[in-house]
Amino acid sequence: MRTPAGRECRYFYGDYYRGRNREECRLLDAADQWTPELCFSCPVPEIIQSNACEHMVLKPSLIRPFPFVKRQVRVKTYCEKTHRKGFDPHIGCGECHVLPGIFLGEDE
């Protein structure tokens, strides 16, 4: 579904049926006090677009780098297949999907 920031995200839910105006992020818990402004700085839509691994689990957190700066979404990753954590979510853990030879420096 399209977020308030205008990007597609599978975790965003909006219910606009018959005048309703209910929006929520199903990745962030209700206790995190989600607001639509968080969608503008959220890295999850780009991660989903660049890596569709079914073994990758995203663990979000809300941080405020400085007291006067708006809250931002940070994502930690975990691979259920290889049990690795902390890898670049745009690329993946490197074990679930084999990279083509051109990316490894091998000539075809």
PDB file of N, CA and C in Angstrom:
ATOM      1  N   MET A   1       0.842  -1.171   0.000  1.00  0.00           N
ATOM      2  CA  MET A   1       0.000   0.000   0.000  1.00  0.00           C
ATOM      3  C   MET A   1       0.890   1.239   0.000  1.00  0.00           C
ATOM      4  N   ARG A   2       0.420   2.284  -0.570  1.00  0.00           N
ATOM      5  CA  ARG A   2       1.197   3.516  -0.671  1.00  0.00           C
ATOM      6  C   ARG A   2       1.173   4.275   0.657  1.00  0.00           C
ATOM      7  N   THR A   3       2.371   4.659   1.123  1.00  0.00           N
ATOM      8  CA  THR A   3       2.524   5.368   2.399  1.00  0.00           C
ATOM      9  C   THR A   3       2.217   6.852   2.225  1.00  0.00           C
ATOM     10  N   PRO A   4       2.125   7.614   3.325  1.00  0.00           N
ATOM     11  CA  PRO A   4       1.954   9.064   3.199  1.00  0.00           C
ATOM     12  C   PRO A   4       3.128   9.737   2.484  1.00  0.00           C
ATOM     13  N   ALA A   5       4.295   9.074   2.479  1.00  0.00           N
ATOM     14  CA  ALA A   5       5.459   9.612   1.775  1.00  0.00           C
ATOM     15  C   ALA A   5       5.406   9.314   0.277  1.00  0.00           C
ATOM     16  N   GLY A   6       4.438   8.501  -0.167  1.00  0.00           N
ATOM     17  CA  GLY A   6       4.262   8.220  -1.579  1.00  0.00           C
ATOM     18  C   GLY A   6       5.007   6.992  -2.075  1.00  0.00           C
ATOM     19  N   ARG A   7       5.514   6.151  -1.170  1.00  0.00           N
ATOM     20  CA  ARG A   7       6.249   4.952  -1.557  1.00  0.00           C
ATOM     21  C   ARG A   7       5.452   3.715  -1.173  1.00  0.00           C
ATOM     22  N   GLU A   8       5.678   2.622  -1.896  1.00  0.00           N
ATOM     23  CA  GLU A   8       4.987   1.371  -1.609  1.00  0.00           C
ATOM     24  C   GLU A   8       5.666   0.666  -0.440  1.00  0.00           C
ATOM     25  N   CYS A   9       4.867   0.199   0.524  1.00  0.00           N
ATOM     26  CA  CYS A   9       5.385  -0.525   1.678  1.00  0.00           C
ATOM     27  C   CYS A   9       4.356  -1.571   2.105  1.00  0.00           C
ATOM     28  N   ARG A  10       4.811  -2.808   2.278  1.00  0.00           N
ATOM     29  CA  ARG A  10       3.880  -3.881   2.646  1.00  0.00           C
ATOM     30  C   ARG A  10       3.462  -3.807   4.105  1.00  0.00           C
ATOM     31  N   TYR A  11       4.156  -3.035   4.925  1.00  0.00           N
ATOM     32  CA  TYR A  11       3.835  -2.943   6.347  1.00  0.00           C
ATOM     33  C   TYR A  11       2.873  -1.799   6.667  1.00  0.00           C
ATOM     34  N   PHE A  12       2.654  -0.896   5.726  1.00  0.00           N
ATOM     35  CA  PHE A  12       1.726   0.215   5.950  1.00  0.00           C
ATOM     36  C   PHE A  12       0.309  -0.240   5.651  1.00  0.00           C
ATOM     37  N   TYR A  13      -0.634   0.165   6.493  1.00  0.00           N
ATOM     38  CA  TYR A  13      -2.032  -0.176   6.300  1.00  0.00           C
ATOM     39  C   TYR A  13      -2.866   1.082   6.453  1.00  0.00           C
ATOM     40  N   GLY A  14      -3.717   1.327   5.494  1.00  0.00           N
ATOM     41  CA  GLY A  14      -4.629   2.466   5.548  1.00  0.00           C
ATOM     42  C   GLY A  14      -6.050   2.010   5.273  1.00  0.00           C
ATOM     43  N   ASP A  15      -6.958   2.369   6.144  1.00  0.00           N
ATOM     44  CA  ASP A  15      -8.367   1.999   5.978  1.00  0.00           C
ATOM     45  C   ASP A  15      -9.146   3.276   5.711  1.00  0.00           C
ATOM     46  N   TYR A  16      -9.557   3.463   4.453  1.00  0.00           N
ATOM     47  CA  TYR A  16     -10.275   4.667   4.045  1.00  0.00           C
ATOM     48  C   TYR A  16     -11.692   4.347   3.584  1.00  0.00           C
ATOM     49  N   TYR A  17     -12.180   3.174   3.892  1.00  0.00           N
ATOM     50  CA  TYR A  17     -13.483   2.734   3.420  1.00  0.00           C
ATOM     51  C   TYR A  17     -14.592   3.521   4.097  1.00  0.00           C
ATOM     52  N   ARG A  18     -15.473   4.085   3.305  1.00  0.00           N
ATOM     53  CA  ARG A  18     -16.642   4.855   3.752  1.00  0.00           C
ATOM     54  C   ARG A  18     -16.298   5.949   4.774  1.00  0.00           C
ATOM     55  N   GLY A  19     -15.305   6.722   4.459  1.00  0.00           N
ATOM     56  CA  GLY A  19     -14.976   7.882   5.281  1.00  0.00           C
ATOM     57  C   GLY A  19     -14.032   7.608   6.438  1.00  0.00           C
ATOM     58  N   ARG A  20     -13.622   6.368   6.626  1.00  0.00           N
ATOM     59  CA  ARG A  20     -12.666   6.087   7.696  1.00  0.00           C
ATOM     60  C   ARG A  20     -11.309   6.662   7.326  1.00  0.00           C
ATOM     61  N   ASN A  21     -10.537   6.993   8.322  1.00  0.00           N
ATOM     62  CA  ASN A  21      -9.205   7.514   8.088  1.00  0.00           C
ATOM     63  C   ASN A  21      -8.254   6.907   9.117  1.00  0.00           C
ATOM     64  N   ARG A  22      -8.066   5.588   9.028  1.00  0.00           N
ATOM     65  CA  ARG A  22      -7.212   4.883   9.974  1.00  0.00           C
ATOM     66  C   ARG A  22      -5.945   4.426   9.254  1.00  0.00           C
ATOM     67  N   GLU A  23      -4.790   4.837   9.761  1.00  0.00           N
ATOM     68  CA  GLU A  23      -3.510   4.451   9.185  1.00  0.00           C
ATOM     69  C   GLU A  23      -2.635   3.875  10.285  1.00  0.00           C
ATOM     70  N   GLU A  24      -1.839   2.860   9.910  1.00  0.00           N
ATOM     71  CA  GLU A  24      -0.927   2.271  10.885  1.00  0.00           C
ATOM     72  C   GLU A  24       0.233   1.612  10.166  1.00  0.00           C
ATOM     73  N   CYS A  25       1.312   1.452  10.887  1.00  0.00           N
ATOM     74  CA  CYS A  25       2.472   0.730  10.393  1.00  0.00           C
ATOM     75  C   CYS A  25       2.523  -0.581  11.160  1.00  0.00           C
ATOM     76  N   ARG A  26       2.418  -1.681  10.445  1.00  0.00           N
ATOM     77  CA  ARG A  26       2.377  -2.976  11.101  1.00  0.00           C
ATOM     78  C   ARG A  26       3.762  -3.507  11.429  1.00  0.00           C
ATOM     79  N   LEU A  27       4.792  -2.833  11.004  1.00  0.00           N
ATOM     80  CA  LEU A  27       6.145  -3.220  11.389  1.00  0.00           C
ATOM     81  C   LEU A  27       6.493  -2.658  12.762  1.00  0.00           C
ATOM     82  N   LEU A  28       6.096  -1.423  12.993  1.00  0.00           N
ATOM     83  CA  LEU A  28       6.318  -0.813  14.307  1.00  0.00           C
ATOM     84  C   LEU A  28       5.176  -1.198  15.240  1.00  0.00           C
ATOM     85  N   ASP A  29       5.482  -1.441  16.468  1.00  0.00           N
ATOM     86  CA  ASP A  29       4.440  -1.784  17.441  1.00  0.00           C
ATOM     87  C   ASP A  29       3.584  -0.570  17.749  1.00  0.00           C
ATOM     88  N   ALA A  30       2.403  -0.818  18.291  1.00  0.00           N
ATOM     89  CA  ALA A  30       1.512   0.282  18.677  1.00  0.00           C
ATOM     90  C   ALA A  30       2.119   1.097  19.810  1.00  0.00           C
ATOM     91  N   ALA A  31       2.971   0.488  20.619  1.00  0.00           N
ATOM     92  CA  ALA A  31       3.584   1.196  21.742  1.00  0.00           C
ATOM     93  C   ALA A  31       4.612   2.223  21.278  1.00  0.00           C
ATOM     94  N   ASP A  32       5.085   2.096  20.031  1.00  0.00           N
ATOM     95  CA  ASP A  32       6.094   3.027  19.530  1.00  0.00           C
ATOM     96  C   ASP A  32       5.508   4.360  19.087  1.00  0.00           C
ATOM     97  N   GLN A  33       4.207   4.496  19.133  1.00  0.00           N
ATOM     98  CA  GLN A  33       3.518   5.737  18.783  1.00  0.00           C
ATOM     99  C   GLN A  33       3.873   6.179  17.365  1.00  0.00           C
ATOM    100  N   TRP A  34       3.454   5.377  16.392  1.00  0.00           N
ATOM    101  CA  TRP A  34       3.708   5.663  14.991  1.00  0.00           C
ATOM    102  C   TRP A  34       2.944   6.900  14.553  1.00  0.00           C
ATOM    103  N   THR A  35       3.564   7.726  13.748  1.00  0.00           N
ATOM    104  CA  THR A  35       2.930   8.883  13.130  1.00  0.00           C
ATOM    105  C   THR A  35       3.254   8.859  11.633  1.00  0.00           C
ATOM    106  N   PRO A  36       2.416   9.464  10.793  1.00  0.00           N
ATOM    107  CA  PRO A  36       2.677   9.460   9.348  1.00  0.00           C
ATOM    108  C   PRO A  36       3.997  10.135   8.953  1.00  0.00           C
ATOM    109  N   GLU A  37       4.517  11.035   9.777  1.00  0.00           N
ATOM    110  CA  GLU A  37       5.778  11.706   9.461  1.00  0.00           C
ATOM    111  C   GLU A  37       6.957  10.737   9.456  1.00  0.00           C
ATOM    112  N   LEU A  38       6.840   9.619  10.156  1.00  0.00           N
ATOM    113  CA  LEU A  38       7.929   8.641  10.200  1.00  0.00           C
ATOM    114  C   LEU A  38       8.140   7.967   8.849  1.00  0.00           C
ATOM    115  N   CYS A  39       7.119   7.934   8.014  1.00  0.00           N
ATOM    116  CA  CYS A  39       7.241   7.301   6.695  1.00  0.00           C
ATOM    117  C   CYS A  39       8.224   8.043   5.789  1.00  0.00           C
ATOM    118  N   PHE A  40       8.428   9.326   6.020  1.00  0.00           N
ATOM    119  CA  PHE A  40       9.316  10.102   5.165  1.00  0.00           C
ATOM    120  C   PHE A  40      10.781   9.756   5.394  1.00  0.00           C
ATOM    121  N   SER A  41      11.148   9.292   6.600  1.00  0.00           N
ATOM    122  CA  SER A  41      12.537   8.935   6.886  1.00  0.00           C
ATOM    123  C   SER A  41      12.737   7.437   7.054  1.00  0.00           C
ATOM    124  N   CYS A  42      11.734   6.640   6.734  1.00  0.00           N
ATOM    125  CA  CYS A  42      11.805   5.195   6.941  1.00  0.00           C
ATOM    126  C   CYS A  42      12.562   4.520   5.793  1.00  0.00           C
ATOM    127  N   PRO A  43      13.563   3.680   6.103  1.00  0.00           N
ATOM    128  CA  PRO A  43      14.318   3.004   5.048  1.00  0.00           C
ATOM    129  C   PRO A  43      13.676   1.706   4.557  1.00  0.00           C
ATOM    130  N   VAL A  44      12.589   1.259   5.161  1.00  0.00           N
ATOM    131  CA  VAL A  44      12.009  -0.048   4.863  1.00  0.00           C
ATOM    132  C   VAL A  44      11.513  -0.175   3.416  1.00  0.00           C
ATOM    133  N   PRO A  45      10.831   0.809   2.815  1.00  0.00           N
ATOM    134  CA  PRO A  45      10.400   0.627   1.421  1.00  0.00           C
ATOM    135  C   PRO A  45      11.552   0.383   0.449  1.00  0.00           C
ATOM    136  N   GLU A  46      12.700   1.055   0.638  1.00  0.00           N
ATOM    137  CA  GLU A  46      13.848   0.818  -0.229  1.00  0.00           C
ATOM    138  C   GLU A  46      14.446  -0.559   0.010  1.00  0.00           C
ATOM    139  N   ILE A  47      14.446  -1.014   1.259  1.00  0.00           N
ATOM    140  CA  ILE A  47      14.975  -2.339   1.582  1.00  0.00           C
ATOM    141  C   ILE A  47      14.116  -3.411   0.929  1.00  0.00           C
ATOM    142  N   ILE A  48      12.811  -3.269   1.016  1.00  0.00           N
ATOM    143  CA  ILE A  48      11.900  -4.245   0.415  1.00  0.00           C
ATOM    144  C   ILE A  48      12.055  -4.273  -1.104  1.00  0.00           C
ATOM    145  N   GLN A  49      12.277  -3.112  -1.695  1.00  0.00           N
ATOM    146  CA  GLN A  49      12.413  -3.033  -3.142  1.00  0.00           C
ATOM    147  C   GLN A  49      13.731  -3.658  -3.609  1.00  0.00           C
ATOM    148  N   SER A  50      14.803  -3.516  -2.839  1.00  0.00           N
ATOM    149  CA  SER A  50      16.099  -4.024  -3.281  1.00  0.00           C
ATOM    150  C   SER A  50      16.370  -5.460  -2.857  1.00  0.00           C
ATOM    151  N   ASN A  51      15.705  -5.962  -1.806  1.00  0.00           N
ATOM    152  CA  ASN A  51      15.973  -7.312  -1.325  1.00  0.00           C
ATOM    153  C   ASN A  51      14.659  -7.965  -0.916  1.00  0.00           C
ATOM    154  N   ALA A  52      14.295  -9.034  -1.609  1.00  0.00           N
ATOM    155  CA  ALA A  52      13.035  -9.720  -1.331  1.00  0.00           C
ATOM    156  C   ALA A  52      13.273 -11.080  -0.683  1.00  0.00           C
ATOM    157  N   CYS A  53      14.326 -11.221   0.106  1.00  0.00           N
ATOM    158  CA  CYS A  53      14.650 -12.501   0.744  1.00  0.00           C
ATOM    159  C   CYS A  53      13.589 -12.833   1.791  1.00  0.00           C
ATOM    160  N   GLU A  54      13.051 -14.048   1.718  1.00  0.00           N
ATOM    161  CA  GLU A  54      12.006 -14.446   2.665  1.00  0.00           C
ATOM    162  C   GLU A  54      12.577 -14.830   4.021  1.00  0.00           C
ATOM    163  N   HIS A  55      13.893 -14.968   4.126  1.00  0.00           N
ATOM    164  CA  HIS A  55      14.518 -15.342   5.399  1.00  0.00           C
ATOM    165  C   HIS A  55      14.937 -14.125   6.226  1.00  0.00           C
ATOM    166  N   MET A  56      14.938 -12.941   5.620  1.00  0.00           N
ATOM    167  CA  MET A  56      15.380 -11.733   6.318  1.00  0.00           C
ATOM    168  C   MET A  56      14.261 -11.186   7.199  1.00  0.00           C
ATOM    169  N   VAL A  57      14.604 -10.921   8.453  1.00  0.00           N
ATOM    170  CA  VAL A  57      13.658 -10.352   9.410  1.00  0.00           C
ATOM    171  C   VAL A  57      14.130  -8.943   9.742  1.00  0.00           C
ATOM    172  N   LEU A  58      13.223  -7.984   9.666  1.00  0.00           N
ATOM    173  CA  LEU A  58      13.541  -6.597   9.995  1.00  0.00           C
ATOM    174  C   LEU A  58      13.071  -6.290  11.410  1.00  0.00           C
ATOM    175  N   LYS A  59      13.962  -5.726  12.208  1.00  0.00           N
ATOM    176  CA  LYS A  59      13.628  -5.339  13.580  1.00  0.00           C
ATOM    177  C   LYS A  59      13.775  -3.825  13.692  1.00  0.00           C
ATOM    178  N   PRO A  60      12.659  -3.109  13.689  1.00  0.00           N
ATOM    179  CA  PRO A  60      12.738  -1.651  13.687  1.00  0.00           C
ATOM    180  C   PRO A  60      12.878  -1.081  15.097  1.00  0.00           C
ATOM    181  N   SER A  61      13.372   0.134  15.145  1.00  0.00           N
ATOM    182  CA  SER A  61      13.421   0.886  16.400  1.00  0.00           C
ATOM    183  C   SER A  61      13.326   2.370  16.060  1.00  0.00           C
ATOM    184  N   LEU A  62      12.775   3.122  16.979  1.00  0.00           N
ATOM    185  CA  LEU A  62      12.675   4.567  16.812  1.00  0.00           C
ATOM    186  C   LEU A  62      13.774   5.222  17.632  1.00  0.00           C
ATOM    187  N   ILE A  63      14.517   6.107  16.981  1.00  0.00           N
ATOM    188  CA  ILE A  63      15.572   6.814  17.692  1.00  0.00           C
ATOM    189  C   ILE A  63      15.396   8.306  17.470  1.00  0.00           C
ATOM    190  N   ARG A  64      15.975   9.052  18.360  1.00  0.00           N
ATOM    191  CA  ARG A  64      16.037  10.503  18.235  1.00  0.00           C
ATOM    192  C   ARG A  64      17.504  10.872  18.416  1.00  0.00           C
ATOM    193  N   PRO A  65      18.218  11.164  17.302  1.00  0.00           N
ATOM    194  CA  PRO A  65      19.656  11.403  17.396  1.00  0.00           C
ATOM    195  C   PRO A  65      20.024  12.547  18.352  1.00  0.00           C
ATOM    196  N   PHE A  66      19.261  13.601  18.306  1.00  0.00           N
ATOM    197  CA  PHE A  66      19.461  14.745  19.186  1.00  0.00           C
ATOM    198  C   PHE A  66      18.100  15.166  19.724  1.00  0.00           C
ATOM    199  N   PRO A  67      18.055  15.828  20.865  1.00  0.00           N
ATOM    200  CA  PRO A  67      16.751  16.194  21.440  1.00  0.00           C
ATOM    201  C   PRO A  67      15.899  17.083  20.540  1.00  0.00           C
ATOM    202  N   PHE A  68      16.492  17.866  19.682  1.00  0.00           N
ATOM    203  CA  PHE A  68      15.731  18.805  18.850  1.00  0.00           C
ATOM    204  C   PHE A  68      15.438  18.251  17.447  1.00  0.00           C
ATOM    205  N   VAL A  69      15.846  17.033  17.150  1.00  0.00           N
ATOM    206  CA  VAL A  69      15.640  16.418  15.840  1.00  0.00           C
ATOM    207  C   VAL A  69      14.444  15.473  15.913  1.00  0.00           C
ATOM    208  N   LYS A  70      13.705  15.355  14.813  1.00  0.00           N
ATOM    209  CA  LYS A  70      12.546  14.456  14.765  1.00  0.00           C
ATOM    210  C   LYS A  70      12.984  13.004  14.899  1.00  0.00           C
ATOM    211  N   ARG A  71      12.049  12.164  15.332  1.00  0.00           N
ATOM    212  CA  ARG A  71      12.334  10.730  15.460  1.00  0.00           C
ATOM    213  C   ARG A  71      12.555  10.111  14.091  1.00  0.00           C
ATOM    214  N   GLN A  72      13.402   9.083  14.055  1.00  0.00           N
ATOM    215  CA  GLN A  72      13.707   8.387  12.817  1.00  0.00           C
ATOM    216  C   GLN A  72      13.605   6.884  13.044  1.00  0.00           C
ATOM    217  N   VAL A  73      13.329   6.169  11.982  1.00  0.00           N
ATOM    218  CA  VAL A  73      13.231   4.704  12.041  1.00  0.00           C
ATOM    219  C   VAL A  73      14.581   4.117  11.671  1.00  0.00           C
ATOM    220  N   ARG A  74      15.097   3.236  12.515  1.00  0.00           N
ATOM    221  CA  ARG A  74      16.321   2.476  12.242  1.00  0.00           C
ATOM    222  C   ARG A  74      15.939   1.006  12.192  1.00  0.00           C
ATOM    223  N   VAL A  75      16.590   0.258  11.328  1.00  0.00           N
ATOM    224  CA  VAL A  75      16.249  -1.141  11.133  1.00  0.00           C
ATOM    225  C   VAL A  75      17.483  -2.008  11.367  1.00  0.00           C
ATOM    226  N   LYS A  76      17.311  -3.045  12.185  1.00  0.00           N
ATOM    227  CA  LYS A  76      18.338  -4.067  12.362  1.00  0.00           C
ATOM    228  C   LYS A  76      17.857  -5.310  11.638  1.00  0.00           C
ATOM    229  N   THR A  77      18.797  -6.101  11.120  1.00  0.00           N
ATOM    230  CA  THR A  77      18.433  -7.252  10.310  1.00  0.00           C
ATOM    231  C   THR A  77      18.873  -8.552  10.974  1.00  0.00           C
ATOM    232  N   TYR A  78      18.156  -9.618  10.622  1.00  0.00           N
ATOM    233  CA  TYR A  78      18.475 -10.958  11.104  1.00  0.00           C
ATOM    234  C   TYR A  78      18.058 -11.946  10.027  1.00  0.00           C
ATOM    235  N   CYS A  79      18.911 -12.917   9.742  1.00  0.00           N
ATOM    236  CA  CYS A  79      18.602 -13.943   8.754  1.00  0.00           C
ATOM    237  C   CYS A  79      18.217 -15.216   9.492  1.00  0.00           C
ATOM    238  N   GLU A  80      17.022 -15.710   9.231  1.00  0.00           N
ATOM    239  CA  GLU A  80      16.535 -16.923   9.896  1.00  0.00           C
ATOM    240  C   GLU A  80      17.208 -18.183   9.358  1.00  0.00           C
ATOM    241  N   LYS A  81      17.733 -18.144   8.158  1.00  0.00           N
ATOM    242  CA  LYS A  81      18.362 -19.317   7.563  1.00  0.00           C
ATOM    243  C   LYS A  81      19.787 -19.516   8.082  1.00  0.00           C
ATOM    244  N   THR A  82      20.582 -18.435   8.085  1.00  0.00           N
ATOM    245  CA  THR A  82      21.985 -18.541   8.487  1.00  0.00           C
ATOM    246  C   THR A  82      22.239 -18.054   9.907  1.00  0.00           C
ATOM    247  N   HIS A  83      21.240 -17.489  10.549  1.00  0.00           N
ATOM    248  CA  HIS A  83      21.323 -16.951  11.915  1.00  0.00           C
ATOM    249  C   HIS A  83      22.366 -15.836  12.037  1.00  0.00           C
ATOM    250  N   ARG A  84      22.526 -15.065  10.984  1.00  0.00           N
ATOM    251  CA  ARG A  84      23.416 -13.899  11.017  1.00  0.00           C
ATOM    252  C   ARG A  84      22.596 -12.673  11.349  1.00  0.00           C
ATOM    253  N   LYS A  85      23.267 -11.684  11.908  1.00  0.00           N
ATOM    254  CA  LYS A  85      22.605 -10.405  12.167  1.00  0.00           C
ATOM    255  C   LYS A  85      23.568  -9.270  11.879  1.00  0.00           C
ATOM    256  N   GLY A  86      22.999  -8.106  11.652  1.00  0.00           N
ATOM    257  CA  GLY A  86      23.790  -6.904  11.449  1.00  0.00           C
ATOM    258  C   GLY A  86      24.369  -6.731  10.059  1.00  0.00           C
ATOM    259  N   PHE A  87      23.831  -7.364   9.039  1.00  0.00           N
ATOM    260  CA  PHE A  87      24.327  -7.195   7.680  1.00  0.00           C
ATOM    261  C   PHE A  87      23.569  -6.072   6.987  1.00  0.00           C
ATOM    262  N   ASP A  88      24.071  -5.670   5.832  1.00  0.00           N
ATOM    263  CA  ASP A  88      23.422  -4.611   5.056  1.00  0.00           C
ATOM    264  C   ASP A  88      22.114  -5.150   4.487  1.00  0.00           C
ATOM    265  N   PRO A  89      20.982  -4.580   4.856  1.00  0.00           N
ATOM    266  CA  PRO A  89      19.703  -5.128   4.395  1.00  0.00           C
ATOM    267  C   PRO A  89      19.454  -4.956   2.900  1.00  0.00           C
ATOM    268  N   HIS A  90      20.122  -4.020   2.261  1.00  0.00           N
ATOM    269  CA  HIS A  90      19.928  -3.825   0.828  1.00  0.00           C
ATOM    270  C   HIS A  90      20.582  -4.951   0.027  1.00  0.00           C
ATOM    271  N   ILE A  91      21.618  -5.557   0.571  1.00  0.00           N
ATOM    272  CA  ILE A  91      22.349  -6.614  -0.132  1.00  0.00           C
ATOM    273  C   ILE A  91      21.932  -7.990   0.363  1.00  0.00           C
ATOM    274  N   GLY A  92      21.792  -8.166   1.666  1.00  0.00           N
ATOM    275  CA  GLY A  92      21.447  -9.454   2.250  1.00  0.00           C
ATOM    276  C   GLY A  92      22.637 -10.067   2.959  1.00  0.00           C
ATOM    277  N   CYS A  93      22.453 -11.258   3.488  1.00  0.00           N
ATOM    278  CA  CYS A  93      23.506 -11.904   4.264  1.00  0.00           C
ATOM    279  C   CYS A  93      24.579 -12.521   3.376  1.00  0.00           C
ATOM    280  N   GLY A  94      24.290 -12.801   2.119  1.00  0.00           N
ATOM    281  CA  GLY A  94      25.259 -13.364   1.204  1.00  0.00           C
ATOM    282  C   GLY A  94      25.184 -14.875   1.080  1.00  0.00           C
ATOM    283  N   GLU A  95      24.405 -15.525   1.902  1.00  0.00           N
ATOM    284  CA  GLU A  95      24.289 -16.981   1.857  1.00  0.00           C
ATOM    285  C   GLU A  95      22.977 -17.451   1.229  1.00  0.00           C
ATOM    286  N   CYS A  96      21.919 -16.721   1.404  1.00  0.00           N
ATOM    287  CA  CYS A  96      20.606 -17.158   0.918  1.00  0.00           C
ATOM    288  C   CYS A  96      20.512 -17.126  -0.608  1.00  0.00           C
ATOM    289  N   HIS A  97      21.094 -16.131  -1.221  1.00  0.00           N
ATOM    290  CA  HIS A  97      21.040 -15.978  -2.672  1.00  0.00           C
ATOM    291  C   HIS A  97      22.460 -15.828  -3.195  1.00  0.00           C
ATOM    292  N   VAL A  98      22.814 -16.654  -4.130  1.00  0.00           N
ATOM    293  CA  VAL A  98      24.158 -16.617  -4.706  1.00  0.00           C
ATOM    294  C   VAL A  98      24.270 -15.422  -5.635  1.00  0.00           C
ATOM    295  N   LEU A  99      25.357 -14.658  -5.484  1.00  0.00           N
ATOM    296  CA  LEU A  99      25.580 -13.505  -6.346  1.00  0.00           C
ATOM    297  C   LEU A  99      26.110 -13.961  -7.699  1.00  0.00           C
ATOM    298  N   PRO A 100      25.742 -13.283  -8.782  1.00  0.00           N
ATOM    299  CA  PRO A 100      26.297 -13.609 -10.098  1.00  0.00           C
ATOM    300  C   PRO A 100      27.799 -13.346 -10.124  1.00  0.00           C
ATOM    301  N   GLY A 101      28.486 -14.025 -11.016  1.00  0.00           N
ATOM    302  CA  GLY A 101      29.936 -13.926 -11.108  1.00  0.00           C
ATOM    303  C   GLY A 101      30.446 -12.539 -11.394  1.00  0.00           C
ATOM    304  N   ILE A 102      29.663 -11.731 -12.075  1.00  0.00           N
ATOM    305  CA  ILE A 102      30.109 -10.376 -12.407  1.00  0.00           C
ATOM    306  C   ILE A 102      30.298  -9.528 -11.145  1.00  0.00           C
ATOM    307  N   PHE A 103      29.523  -9.808 -10.099  1.00  0.00           N
ATOM    308  CA  PHE A 103      29.654  -9.058  -8.859  1.00  0.00           C
ATOM    309  C   PHE A 103      30.817  -9.556  -8.014  1.00  0.00           C
ATOM    310  N   LEU A 104      31.251 -10.779  -8.238  1.00  0.00           N
ATOM    311  CA  LEU A 104      32.353 -11.355  -7.472  1.00  0.00           C
ATOM    312  C   LEU A 104      33.708 -11.140  -8.143  1.00  0.00           C
ATOM    313  N   GLY A 105      33.714 -10.490  -9.304  1.00  0.00           N
ATOM    314  CA  GLY A 105      34.943 -10.211 -10.014  1.00  0.00           C
ATOM    315  C   GLY A 105      35.355 -11.300 -10.976  1.00  0.00           C
ATOM    316  N   GLU A 106      34.521 -12.274 -11.196  1.00  0.00           N
ATOM    317  CA  GLU A 106      34.813 -13.353 -12.125  1.00  0.00           C
ATOM    318  C   GLU A 106      34.372 -12.943 -13.525  1.00  0.00           C
ATOM    319  N   ASP A 107      35.198 -13.254 -14.497  1.00  0.00           N
ATOM    320  CA  ASP A 107      34.834 -12.967 -15.881  1.00  0.00           C
ATOM    321  C   ASP A 107      34.072 -14.143 -16.457  1.00  0.00           C
ATOM    322  N   GLU A 108      33.115 -13.824 -17.290  1.00  0.00           N
ATOM    323  CA  GLU A 108      32.305 -14.884 -17.894  1.00  0.00           C
ATOM    324  C   GLU A 108      32.922 -15.371 -19.184  1.00  0.00           C
TER     325      GLU A 108
END
